[in-house]
Amino acid sequence: MSKNIENQNIQKQDDWFRRFAERVKKEPRLSPEELAAIKAERDKIEPAKIETALMSEDGTITVRTNQHGLGIACAIGGYTIKPGEEGYEENLKKYSRLKPGRGQTIVRKLVDGKWIEQESNYPDFEVS
């Protein structure tokens, strides 16, 4: 990439960020009561981990994890494990409703240092 094009791209990013910052400044601020209500709702679920597992037709399990810590901390990760690999049977037990072509989501909450599975409104789903 030429230096001129690189500088243009940087300028576009700077312009976008400047416009975004100006727009945010104009938005109304939340009252202390509104902020307290949001914090109380967030504290109910944090820290939390949402695990979504998919099983492909050949039995391979792919897991994506979205973990929220206190405040705004967030971590995203995942792994894939194939039939016969170490830990595969453990994953089948953990994601007990998985079937080829299907997926499931588990929500866990950190309670006294242990991840505890929570009731979830996430339905199992078909993998397309």
C-alpha atoms as a PDB file:
ATOM      1  CA  MET A   1       0.000   0.000   0.000  1.00  0.00           C
ATOM      2  CA  SER A   2       1.372   3.369  -0.914  1.00  0.00           C
ATOM      3  CA  LYS A   3       2.103   5.906   1.788  1.00  0.00           C
ATOM      4  CA  ASN A   4      -0.484   8.290   0.268  1.00  0.00           C
ATOM      5  CA  ILE A   5      -3.293   5.683   0.418  1.00  0.00           C
ATOM      6  CA  GLU A   6      -2.263   4.708   3.945  1.00  0.00           C
ATOM      7  CA  ASN A   7      -2.445   8.368   5.043  1.00  0.00           C
ATOM      8  CA  GLN A   8      -5.888   8.735   3.407  1.00  0.00           C
ATOM      9  CA  ASN A   9      -7.145   5.674   5.304  1.00  0.00           C
ATOM     10  CA  ILE A  10      -5.834   7.046   8.588  1.00  0.00           C
ATOM     11  CA  GLN A  11      -7.492  10.411   7.845  1.00  0.00           C
ATOM     12  CA  LYS A  12     -10.832   8.672   7.126  1.00  0.00           C
ATOM     13  CA  GLN A  13     -10.608   6.802  10.428  1.00  0.00           C
ATOM     14  CA  ASP A  14      -9.745  10.000  12.291  1.00  0.00           C
ATOM     15  CA  ASP A  15     -12.676  11.820  10.645  1.00  0.00           C
ATOM     16  CA  TRP A  16     -15.077   8.993  11.494  1.00  0.00           C
ATOM     17  CA  PHE A  17     -13.929   8.926  15.136  1.00  0.00           C
ATOM     18  CA  ARG A  18     -14.176  12.708  15.453  1.00  0.00           C
ATOM     19  CA  ARG A  19     -17.764  12.677  14.061  1.00  0.00           C
ATOM     20  CA  PHE A  20     -18.666   9.791  16.366  1.00  0.00           C
ATOM     21  CA  ALA A  21     -17.244  11.597  19.433  1.00  0.00           C
ATOM     22  CA  GLU A  22     -19.183  14.754  18.564  1.00  0.00           C
ATOM     23  CA  ARG A  23     -22.421  12.786  18.181  1.00  0.00           C
ATOM     24  CA  VAL A  24     -21.900  11.065  21.558  1.00  0.00           C
ATOM     25  CA  LYS A  25     -21.282  14.420  23.267  1.00  0.00           C
ATOM     26  CA  LYS A  26     -24.726  15.614  22.087  1.00  0.00           C
ATOM     27  CA  GLU A  27     -26.593  12.591  23.454  1.00  0.00           C
ATOM     28  CA  PRO A  28     -28.465  13.044  26.732  1.00  0.00           C
ATOM     29  CA  ARG A  29     -26.709  11.791  29.854  1.00  0.00           C
ATOM     30  CA  LEU A  30     -28.315   9.260  32.190  1.00  0.00           C
ATOM     31  CA  SER A  31     -29.438  10.407  35.599  1.00  0.00           C
ATOM     32  CA  PRO A  32     -27.776   8.923  38.694  1.00  0.00           C
ATOM     33  CA  GLU A  33     -30.952   6.880  39.269  1.00  0.00           C
ATOM     34  CA  GLU A  34     -30.870   5.487  35.719  1.00  0.00           C
ATOM     35  CA  LEU A  35     -27.183   4.622  36.072  1.00  0.00           C
ATOM     36  CA  ALA A  36     -27.863   2.870  39.398  1.00  0.00           C
ATOM     37  CA  ALA A  37     -30.679   0.826  37.817  1.00  0.00           C
ATOM     38  CA  ILE A  38     -28.437  -0.252  34.925  1.00  0.00           C
ATOM     39  CA  LYS A  39     -25.646  -1.180  37.342  1.00  0.00           C
ATOM     40  CA  ALA A  40     -28.060  -3.245  39.463  1.00  0.00           C
ATOM     41  CA  GLU A  41     -29.222  -5.161  36.366  1.00  0.00           C
ATOM     42  CA  ARG A  42     -25.637  -5.713  35.217  1.00  0.00           C
ATOM     43  CA  ASP A  43     -24.582  -6.913  38.673  1.00  0.00           C
ATOM     44  CA  LYS A  44     -27.283  -9.591  38.535  1.00  0.00           C
ATOM     45  CA  ILE A  45     -25.598 -11.247  35.547  1.00  0.00           C
ATOM     46  CA  GLU A  46     -21.913 -10.431  35.972  1.00  0.00           C
ATOM     47  CA  PRO A  47     -19.633 -12.140  35.849  1.00  0.00           C
ATOM     48  CA  ALA A  48     -21.285 -14.441  33.334  1.00  0.00           C
ATOM     49  CA  LYS A  49     -20.258 -16.791  30.567  1.00  0.00           C
ATOM     50  CA  ILE A  50     -22.365 -17.641  27.526  1.00  0.00           C
ATOM     51  CA  GLU A  51     -21.229 -20.817  25.772  1.00  0.00           C
ATOM     52  CA  THR A  52     -22.659 -21.707  22.370  1.00  0.00           C
ATOM     53  CA  ALA A  53     -21.871 -25.189  21.078  1.00  0.00           C
ATOM     54  CA  LEU A  54     -22.534 -26.437  17.542  1.00  0.00           C
ATOM     55  CA  MET A  55     -22.224 -29.998  16.281  1.00  0.00           C
ATOM     56  CA  SER A  56     -21.499 -30.508  12.597  1.00  0.00           C
ATOM     57  CA  GLU A  57     -22.789 -33.509  10.679  1.00  0.00           C
ATOM     58  CA  ASP A  58     -19.472 -35.366  11.222  1.00  0.00           C
ATOM     59  CA  GLY A  59     -19.800 -34.933  15.019  1.00  0.00           C
ATOM     60  CA  THR A  60     -17.224 -32.147  15.363  1.00  0.00           C
ATOM     61  CA  ILE A  61     -18.135 -29.812  18.234  1.00  0.00           C
ATOM     62  CA  THR A  62     -17.344 -26.110  17.932  1.00  0.00           C
ATOM     63  CA  VAL A  63     -17.702 -23.986  21.062  1.00  0.00           C
ATOM     64  CA  ARG A  64     -17.715 -20.185  21.223  1.00  0.00           C
ATOM     65  CA  THR A  65     -17.521 -18.497  24.610  1.00  0.00           C
ATOM     66  CA  ASN A  66     -18.415 -14.918  25.435  1.00  0.00           C
ATOM     67  CA  GLN A  67     -17.431 -14.080  29.010  1.00  0.00           C
ATOM     68  CA  HIS A  68     -18.356 -10.846  30.768  1.00  0.00           C
ATOM     69  CA  GLY A  69     -16.502  -9.683  33.843  1.00  0.00           C
ATOM     70  CA  LEU A  70     -17.311  -6.894  36.215  1.00  0.00           C
ATOM     71  CA  GLY A  71     -17.832  -3.547  34.555  1.00  0.00           C
ATOM     72  CA  ILE A  72     -16.999  -3.635  30.868  1.00  0.00           C
ATOM     73  CA  ALA A  73     -14.460  -6.468  30.772  1.00  0.00           C
ATOM     74  CA  CYS A  74     -15.228  -9.023  28.078  1.00  0.00           C
ATOM     75  CA  ALA A  75     -13.423 -12.037  26.664  1.00  0.00           C
ATOM     76  CA  ILE A  76     -14.283 -14.052  23.581  1.00  0.00           C
ATOM     77  CA  GLY A  77     -12.827 -17.455  22.806  1.00  0.00           C
ATOM     78  CA  GLY A  78     -13.583 -20.860  21.498  1.00  0.00           C
ATOM     79  CA  TYR A  79     -12.361 -24.236  20.358  1.00  0.00           C
ATOM     80  CA  THR A  80     -13.176 -27.153  18.075  1.00  0.00           C
ATOM     81  CA  ILE A  81     -12.944 -30.792  19.093  1.00  0.00           C
ATOM     82  CA  LYS A  82     -13.425 -33.865  16.890  1.00  0.00           C
ATOM     83  CA  PRO A  83     -14.733 -37.336  17.766  1.00  0.00           C
ATOM     84  CA  GLY A  84     -11.946 -39.405  19.250  1.00  0.00           C
ATOM     85  CA  GLU A  85      -9.930 -36.434  20.495  1.00  0.00           C
ATOM     86  CA  GLU A  86      -9.151 -36.072  24.187  1.00  0.00           C
ATOM     87  CA  GLY A  87     -11.996 -34.286  25.965  1.00  0.00           C
ATOM     88  CA  TYR A  88     -14.615 -35.104  23.328  1.00  0.00           C
ATOM     89  CA  GLU A  89     -16.725 -37.295  25.622  1.00  0.00           C
ATOM     90  CA  GLU A  90     -16.549 -34.640  28.372  1.00  0.00           C
ATOM     91  CA  ASN A  91     -17.917 -32.078  25.896  1.00  0.00           C
ATOM     92  CA  LEU A  92     -20.745 -34.429  24.905  1.00  0.00           C
ATOM     93  CA  LYS A  93     -21.752 -34.634  28.569  1.00  0.00           C
ATOM     94  CA  LYS A  94     -21.424 -30.891  29.093  1.00  0.00           C
ATOM     95  CA  TYR A  95     -23.516 -30.101  25.990  1.00  0.00           C
ATOM     96  CA  SER A  96     -25.882 -33.027  26.467  1.00  0.00           C
ATOM     97  CA  ARG A  97     -28.554 -31.858  24.010  1.00  0.00           C
ATOM     98  CA  LEU A  98     -26.187 -31.609  21.031  1.00  0.00           C
ATOM     99  CA  LYS A  99     -26.946 -33.669  17.948  1.00  0.00           C
ATOM    100  CA  PRO A 100     -25.449 -33.494  14.454  1.00  0.00           C
ATOM    101  CA  GLY A 101     -26.677 -30.323  12.759  1.00  0.00           C
ATOM    102  CA  ARG A 102     -27.864 -28.765  16.039  1.00  0.00           C
ATOM    103  CA  GLY A 103     -26.609 -26.207  18.537  1.00  0.00           C
ATOM    104  CA  GLN A 104     -27.198 -25.283  22.145  1.00  0.00           C
ATOM    105  CA  THR A 105     -26.378 -22.362  24.405  1.00  0.00           C
ATOM    106  CA  ILE A 106     -25.481 -22.555  28.101  1.00  0.00           C
ATOM    107  CA  VAL A 107     -25.324 -19.571  30.444  1.00  0.00           C
ATOM    108  CA  ARG A 108     -23.095 -19.853  33.505  1.00  0.00           C
ATOM    109  CA  LYS A 109     -22.601 -17.443  36.383  1.00  0.00           C
ATOM    110  CA  LEU A 110     -19.605 -17.244  38.698  1.00  0.00           C
ATOM    111  CA  VAL A 111     -20.809 -18.059  42.225  1.00  0.00           C
ATOM    112  CA  ASP A 112     -18.264 -18.400  45.026  1.00  0.00           C
ATOM    113  CA  GLY A 113     -15.479 -19.045  42.517  1.00  0.00           C
ATOM    114  CA  LYS A 114     -17.349 -21.770  40.577  1.00  0.00           C
ATOM    115  CA  TRP A 115     -19.159 -21.525  37.233  1.00  0.00           C
ATOM    116  CA  ILE A 116     -22.784 -22.550  37.854  1.00  0.00           C
ATOM    117  CA  GLU A 117     -25.189 -23.242  34.989  1.00  0.00           C
ATOM    118  CA  GLN A 118     -28.167 -20.872  35.013  1.00  0.00           C
ATOM    119  CA  GLU A 119     -31.664 -21.100  33.638  1.00  0.00           C
ATOM    120  CA  SER A 120     -31.550 -19.855  30.063  1.00  0.00           C
ATOM    121  CA  ASN A 121     -34.093 -18.524  27.599  1.00  0.00           C
ATOM    122  CA  TYR A 122     -31.842 -19.518  24.690  1.00  0.00           C
ATOM    123  CA  PRO A 123     -33.536 -22.258  22.647  1.00  0.00           C
ATOM    124  CA  ASP A 124     -31.574 -25.046  20.977  1.00  0.00           C
ATOM    125  CA  PHE A 125     -31.198 -24.325  17.273  1.00  0.00           C
ATOM    126  CA  GLU A 126     -30.490 -25.833  13.895  1.00  0.00           C
ATOM    127  CA  VAL A 127     -27.076 -25.242  12.331  1.00  0.00           C
ATOM    128  CA  SER A 128     -27.393 -24.016   8.763  1.00  0.00           C
END
